[in-house]
C-alpha atoms as a PDB file:
ATOM      1  CA  MET A   1       0.000   0.000   0.000  1.00  0.00           C
ATOM      2  CA  PRO A   2       1.580   3.353  -1.007  1.00  0.00           C
ATOM      3  CA  GLU A   3       2.177   5.886   1.733  1.00  0.00           C
ATOM      4  CA  GLN A   4      -0.216   8.774   1.894  1.00  0.00           C
ATOM      5  CA  GLN A   5       1.390  12.181   1.604  1.00  0.00           C
ATOM      6  CA  ASN A   6      -0.863  13.874   4.167  1.00  0.00           C
ATOM      7  CA  GLN A   7      -0.948  11.184   6.843  1.00  0.00           C
ATOM      8  CA  GLN A   8      -2.474  12.050  10.193  1.00  0.00           C
ATOM      9  CA  PRO A   9      -0.101  11.811  13.165  1.00  0.00           C
ATOM     10  CA  ARG A  10      -0.307   8.431  14.862  1.00  0.00           C
ATOM     11  CA  PRO A  11      -1.094   7.973  18.557  1.00  0.00           C
ATOM     12  CA  MET A  12       1.873   7.330  20.842  1.00  0.00           C
ATOM     13  CA  VAL A  13       1.669   4.767  23.664  1.00  0.00           C
ATOM     14  CA  GLY A  14       3.294   5.608  26.952  1.00  0.00           C
ATOM     15  CA  VAL A  15       3.129   4.867  30.650  1.00  0.00           C
ATOM     16  CA  SER A  16       2.169   7.269  33.438  1.00  0.00           C
ATOM     17  CA  VAL A  17       2.982   6.209  36.996  1.00  0.00           C
ATOM     18  CA  LEU A  18       1.066   7.101  40.153  1.00  0.00           C
ATOM     19  CA  VAL A  19       3.953   6.767  42.612  1.00  0.00           C
ATOM     20  CA  LYS A  20       2.428   6.545  46.077  1.00  0.00           C
ATOM     21  CA  ASN A  21       4.237   7.390  49.302  1.00  0.00           C
ATOM     22  CA  GLY A  22       1.684   7.134  52.116  1.00  0.00           C
ATOM     23  CA  ASP A  23      -1.098   9.602  51.262  1.00  0.00           C
ATOM     24  CA  ARG A  24       1.029  11.483  48.725  1.00  0.00           C
ATOM     25  CA  ILE A  25       1.702  11.065  45.009  1.00  0.00           C
ATOM     26  CA  LEU A  26       4.672  12.270  42.998  1.00  0.00           C
ATOM     27  CA  LEU A  27       4.143  14.866  40.262  1.00  0.00           C
ATOM     28  CA  GLU A  28       6.457  16.659  37.847  1.00  0.00           C
ATOM     29  CA  LYS A  29       6.083  20.054  36.190  1.00  0.00           C
ATOM     30  CA  ARG A  30       6.528  19.819  32.408  1.00  0.00           C
ATOM     31  CA  SER A  31       9.120  22.000  30.674  1.00  0.00           C
ATOM     32  CA  LYS A  32       8.111  21.279  27.067  1.00  0.00           C
ATOM     33  CA  ALA A  33       5.097  21.227  24.773  1.00  0.00           C
ATOM     34  CA  PRO A  34       2.424  20.179  24.868  1.00  0.00           C
ATOM     35  CA  TRP A  35       1.316  22.032  27.975  1.00  0.00           C
ATOM     36  CA  ALA A  36       4.632  23.314  29.322  1.00  0.00           C
ATOM     37  CA  GLY A  37       4.163  24.297  32.981  1.00  0.00           C
ATOM     38  CA  ALA A  38       1.460  21.684  33.667  1.00  0.00           C
ATOM     39  CA  TRP A  39       1.872  19.062  36.405  1.00  0.00           C
ATOM     40  CA  LYS A  40       1.922  15.380  35.438  1.00  0.00           C
ATOM     41  CA  ALA A  41       2.718  11.951  36.818  1.00  0.00           C
ATOM     42  CA  PRO A  42       6.174  10.578  35.940  1.00  0.00           C
ATOM     43  CA  GLY A  43       6.283   8.526  32.759  1.00  0.00           C
ATOM     44  CA  GLY A  44       7.020   8.496  29.080  1.00  0.00           C
ATOM     45  CA  HIS A  45       6.993   6.569  25.825  1.00  0.00           C
ATOM     46  CA  MET A  46       7.425   2.830  25.776  1.00  0.00           C
ATOM     47  CA  GLU A  47      10.551   1.558  24.064  1.00  0.00           C
ATOM     48  CA  PHE A  48      10.435  -1.315  21.614  1.00  0.00           C
ATOM     49  CA  GLY A  49      10.011  -4.628  23.446  1.00  0.00           C
ATOM     50  CA  GLU A  50       9.326  -3.093  26.880  1.00  0.00           C
ATOM     51  CA  SER A  51       6.453  -4.105  29.109  1.00  0.00           C
ATOM     52  CA  PRO A  52       4.444  -1.334  30.814  1.00  0.00           C
ATOM     53  CA  GLU A  53       6.073  -2.310  34.125  1.00  0.00           C
ATOM     54  CA  GLU A  54       9.568  -1.996  32.647  1.00  0.00           C
ATOM     55  CA  THR A  55       8.702   1.381  31.150  1.00  0.00           C
ATOM     56  CA  ALA A  56       7.322   2.578  34.507  1.00  0.00           C
ATOM     57  CA  VAL A  57      10.439   1.562  36.455  1.00  0.00           C
ATOM     58  CA  ARG A  58      12.787   3.042  33.817  1.00  0.00           C
ATOM     59  CA  GLU A  59      10.948   6.356  33.435  1.00  0.00           C
ATOM     60  CA  VAL A  60      10.580   6.970  37.183  1.00  0.00           C
ATOM     61  CA  GLN A  61      14.291   6.181  37.711  1.00  0.00           C
ATOM     62  CA  GLU A  62      15.407   8.358  34.760  1.00  0.00           C
ATOM     63  CA  GLU A  63      13.199  11.331  35.641  1.00  0.00           C
ATOM     64  CA  THR A  64      13.315  11.352  39.464  1.00  0.00           C
ATOM     65  CA  GLY A  65      15.996   8.926  40.686  1.00  0.00           C
ATOM     66  CA  LEU A  66      13.414   7.015  42.759  1.00  0.00           C
ATOM     67  CA  THR A  67      13.093   3.261  43.178  1.00  0.00           C
ATOM     68  CA  ILE A  68       9.552   1.877  42.972  1.00  0.00           C
ATOM     69  CA  SER A  69       7.905  -1.525  43.466  1.00  0.00           C
ATOM     70  CA  GLU A  70       4.516  -3.294  43.563  1.00  0.00           C
ATOM     71  CA  LEU A  71       3.489  -2.054  40.122  1.00  0.00           C
ATOM     72  CA  LYS A  72      -0.159  -2.549  39.143  1.00  0.00           C
ATOM     73  CA  PHE A  73      -2.080  -1.704  36.003  1.00  0.00           C
ATOM     74  CA  ARG A  74      -4.878   0.774  36.772  1.00  0.00           C
ATOM     75  CA  THR A  75      -6.410   2.161  33.576  1.00  0.00           C
ATOM     76  CA  MET A  76      -5.725   3.988  30.288  1.00  0.00           C
ATOM     77  CA  THR A  77      -6.640   7.420  28.999  1.00  0.00           C
ATOM     78  CA  ASN A  78      -7.032   8.660  25.426  1.00  0.00           C
ATOM     79  CA  ASP A  79      -5.568  12.155  25.203  1.00  0.00           C
ATOM     80  CA  VAL A  80      -5.762  14.228  22.017  1.00  0.00           C
ATOM     81  CA  PHE A  81      -3.924  17.563  21.923  1.00  0.00           C
ATOM     82  CA  GLU A  82      -5.631  19.097  18.864  1.00  0.00           C
ATOM     83  CA  ALA A  83      -3.598  22.325  18.756  1.00  0.00           C
ATOM     84  CA  ASP A  84      -0.304  20.412  18.908  1.00  0.00           C
ATOM     85  CA  LYS A  85      -1.467  17.597  16.587  1.00  0.00           C
ATOM     86  CA  ARG A  86      -0.443  15.039  19.230  1.00  0.00           C
ATOM     87  CA  HIS A  87      -2.326  12.006  20.464  1.00  0.00           C
ATOM     88  CA  TYR A  88      -1.218   9.966  23.478  1.00  0.00           C
ATOM     89  CA  VAL A  89      -2.630   6.771  24.958  1.00  0.00           C
ATOM     90  CA  PRO A  90      -1.077   6.481  28.429  1.00  0.00           C
ATOM     91  CA  ILE A  91      -1.225   3.225  30.346  1.00  0.00           C
ATOM     92  CA  TRP A  92      -1.692   4.251  33.992  1.00  0.00           C
ATOM     93  CA  MET A  93       0.263   2.198  36.511  1.00  0.00           C
ATOM     94  CA  GLU A  94       0.307   2.488  40.296  1.00  0.00           C
ATOM     95  CA  ALA A  95       3.555   1.936  42.180  1.00  0.00           C
ATOM     96  CA  LYS A  96       4.812   2.090  45.735  1.00  0.00           C
ATOM     97  CA  TYR A  97       7.734   4.390  46.576  1.00  0.00           C
ATOM     98  CA  VAL A  98      10.661   2.308  47.893  1.00  0.00           C
ATOM     99  CA  ALA A  99      13.758   4.490  48.112  1.00  0.00           C
ATOM    100  CA  GLY A 100      15.532   7.621  46.953  1.00  0.00           C
ATOM    101  CA  GLU A 101      15.170  11.361  47.233  1.00  0.00           C
ATOM    102  CA  ALA A 102      12.869  12.820  44.574  1.00  0.00           C
ATOM    103  CA  LYS A 103      15.073  15.016  42.412  1.00  0.00           C
ATOM    104  CA  LEU A 104      14.997  16.574  38.984  1.00  0.00           C
ATOM    105  CA  ASP A 105      16.987  14.109  36.851  1.00  0.00           C
ATOM    106  CA  ALA A 106      15.520  15.127  33.466  1.00  0.00           C
ATOM    107  CA  PRO A 107      15.672  18.961  33.326  1.00  0.00           C
ATOM    108  CA  GLU A 108      15.086  18.865  29.553  1.00  0.00           C
ATOM    109  CA  GLU A 109      11.636  17.376  30.313  1.00  0.00           C
ATOM    110  CA  GLU A 110      10.631  18.740  33.747  1.00  0.00           C
ATOM    111  CA  THR A 111      11.328  21.842  35.828  1.00  0.00           C
ATOM    112  CA  GLU A 112      10.103  20.637  39.246  1.00  0.00           C
ATOM    113  CA  VAL A 113       9.295  17.408  41.060  1.00  0.00           C
ATOM    114  CA  SER A 114       7.364  17.191  44.333  1.00  0.00           C
ATOM    115  CA  TRP A 115       4.994  15.105  46.479  1.00  0.00           C
ATOM    116  CA  PHE A 116       1.334  16.147  46.821  1.00  0.00           C
ATOM    117  CA  THR A 117      -1.766  14.897  48.603  1.00  0.00           C
ATOM    118  CA  TRP A 118      -4.888  14.314  46.492  1.00  0.00           C
ATOM    119  CA  ASP A 119      -6.606  17.283  48.166  1.00  0.00           C
ATOM    120  CA  SER A 120      -3.739  19.688  47.418  1.00  0.00           C
ATOM    121  CA  LEU A 121      -2.849  19.008  43.784  1.00  0.00           C
ATOM    122  CA  PRO A 122      -1.037  21.865  42.021  1.00  0.00           C
ATOM    123  CA  GLN A 123      -2.455  23.637  38.972  1.00  0.00           C
ATOM    124  CA  PRO A 124      -2.553  23.474  36.034  1.00  0.00           C
ATOM    125  CA  LEU A 125      -2.759  19.699  35.557  1.00  0.00           C
ATOM    126  CA  TYR A 126      -1.625  17.983  32.354  1.00  0.00           C
ATOM    127  CA  LEU A 127      -4.511  16.759  30.158  1.00  0.00           C
ATOM    128  CA  PRO A 128      -3.933  13.010  30.795  1.00  0.00           C
ATOM    129  CA  LEU A 129      -4.014  13.590  34.575  1.00  0.00           C
ATOM    130  CA  GLN A 130      -7.169  15.706  34.183  1.00  0.00           C
ATOM    131  CA  HIS A 131      -8.801  12.874  32.239  1.00  0.00           C
ATOM    132  CA  LEU A 132      -7.773  10.376  34.915  1.00  0.00           C
ATOM    133  CA  LEU A 133      -9.282  12.496  37.691  1.00  0.00           C
ATOM    134  CA  GLU A 134     -12.470  13.082  35.667  1.00  0.00           C
ATOM    135  CA  GLY A 135     -12.894   9.335  35.086  1.00  0.00           C
ATOM    136  CA  LYS A 136     -12.398   9.616  31.303  1.00  0.00           C
ATOM    137  CA  THR A 137     -10.629   6.269  31.198  1.00  0.00           C
ATOM    138  CA  TYR A 138     -10.587   2.829  29.585  1.00  0.00           C
ATOM    139  CA  PRO A 139     -11.899   0.704  31.221  1.00  0.00           C
ATOM    140  CA  SER A 140     -14.318   3.257  32.567  1.00  0.00           C
ATOM    141  CA  GLN A 141     -13.958   4.225  36.221  1.00  0.00           C
ATOM    142  CA  THR A 142     -17.518   5.533  36.333  1.00  0.00           C
ATOM    143  CA  THR A 143     -19.402   2.318  35.679  1.00  0.00           C
ATOM    144  CA  ASN A 144     -19.193  -1.056  37.321  1.00  0.00           C
ATOM    145  CA  THR A 145     -20.775  -3.066  34.513  1.00  0.00           C
ATOM    146  CA  LYS A 146     -17.849  -2.926  32.113  1.00  0.00           C
ATOM    147  CA  ILE A 147     -14.743  -5.053  32.063  1.00  0.00           C
ATOM    148  CA  GLY A 148     -12.901  -2.657  34.396  1.00  0.00           C
ATOM    149  CA  ALA A 149     -14.813  -4.140  37.299  1.00  0.00           C
ATOM    150  CA  ALA A 150     -12.936  -7.405  36.721  1.00  0.00           C
ATOM    151  CA  ILE A 151      -9.552  -5.831  37.448  1.00  0.00           C
ATOM    152  CA  GLU A 152      -8.279  -6.244  41.020  1.00  0.00           C
ATOM    153  CA  THR A 153      -8.367  -2.733  42.422  1.00  0.00           C
ATOM    154  CA  SER A 154      -7.907  -0.628  45.504  1.00  0.00           C
ATOM    155  CA  PRO A 155      -8.645   3.063  46.080  1.00  0.00           C
ATOM    156  CA  ILE A 156      -6.135   5.285  44.265  1.00  0.00           C
ATOM    157  CA  LEU A 157      -8.164   8.360  43.401  1.00  0.00           C
ATOM    158  CA  PRO A 158     -10.473  10.575  45.419  1.00  0.00           C
ATOM    159  CA  GLY A 159     -14.057  11.449  44.534  1.00  0.00           C
ATOM    160  CA  GLN A 160     -16.871  10.118  42.402  1.00  0.00           C
ATOM    161  CA  GLY A 161     -14.806   9.550  39.234  1.00  0.00           C
ATOM    162  CA  ALA A 162     -12.917   6.641  40.774  1.00  0.00           C
ATOM    163  CA  GLU A 163     -15.799   4.574  42.171  1.00  0.00           C
ATOM    164  CA  ALA A 164     -15.041   1.524  40.016  1.00  0.00           C
ATOM    165  CA  LEU A 165     -11.508   1.435  41.418  1.00  0.00           C
ATOM    166  CA  ARG A 166     -12.762   0.982  44.960  1.00  0.00           C
ATOM    167  CA  PRO A 167     -12.743  -2.606  46.271  1.00  0.00           C
ATOM    168  CA  ASP A 168     -16.219  -2.192  47.790  1.00  0.00           C
ATOM    169  CA  ALA A 169     -17.854  -0.968  44.560  1.00  0.00           C
ATOM    170  CA  PRO A 170     -20.901  -3.045  43.605  1.00  0.00           C
ATOM    171  CA  THR A 171     -20.261  -5.385  40.677  1.00  0.00           C
ATOM    172  CA  GLN A 172     -22.188  -7.904  38.653  1.00  0.00           C
ATOM    173  CA  SER A 173     -21.108 -11.506  39.052  1.00  0.00           C
ATOM    174  CA  THR A 174     -20.936 -12.146  35.300  1.00  0.00           C
ATOM    175  CA  VAL A 175     -19.854 -10.001  32.378  1.00  0.00           C
ATOM    176  CA  HIS A 176     -21.223 -11.300  29.095  1.00  0.00           C
ATOM    177  CA  VAL A 177     -18.677 -10.881  26.367  1.00  0.00           C
ATOM    178  CA  SER A 178     -21.609 -10.270  24.025  1.00  0.00           C
ATOM    179  CA  ASP A 179     -22.223  -7.065  26.025  1.00  0.00           C
ATOM    180  CA  LEU A 180     -18.695  -5.960  25.128  1.00  0.00           C
ATOM    181  CA  ARG A 181     -18.462  -7.285  21.565  1.00  0.00           C
ATOM    182  CA  SER A 182     -21.490  -8.078  19.454  1.00  0.00           C
ATOM    183  CA  ASP A 183     -19.696 -10.896  17.582  1.00  0.00           C
ATOM    184  CA  MET A 184     -19.048 -12.935  20.741  1.00  0.00           C
ATOM    185  CA  SER A 185     -21.549 -14.909  22.796  1.00  0.00           C
ATOM    186  CA  GLU A 186     -19.592 -16.594  25.586  1.00  0.00           C
ATOM    187  CA  SER A 187     -19.537 -15.244  29.126  1.00  0.00           C
ATOM    188  CA  VAL A 188     -16.739 -14.598  31.538  1.00  0.00           C
ATOM    189  CA  ASN A 189     -17.372 -15.420  35.201  1.00  0.00           C
ATOM    190  CA  ARG A 190     -15.689 -13.365  37.895  1.00  0.00           C
END
């Protein structure tokens, strides 16, 4: 198939990491477009052959010097920056802080790094983090009847937008694959 001359930019897959240290999470202030000056979770593009966990560990170490463990998949967001013609699909991971002093190890990418509680997040927030907090995620955090309810979860976000991530959220006992894809008819028991 011949290449099109006016191809649309392709989405980039990356990993964003919610590094938890007690009741605080680690955020970085971006130094480059899109959204220079906005606060984001550590993370970046996946490299060829990397797993999301490997990307998370590498990016947190490269950007902040911290060691993390107990990585868990949480969700994904779909973030389109129309003005910049950029499209990112971050895989959101949760990790536990293990060791190190949070420091600015990637000044070409970030200008500050600091710990925050969920009720004192700095502003402005980077679009992917806004989408996460608003529950604009895949699987959805705002419904318990989709496949996201099947993922082992614990509370990571405050407020209504994260209800499906709470372990006590009501769930159905069976998700019918036909509810998710019309060409399938088997069911998945949880």
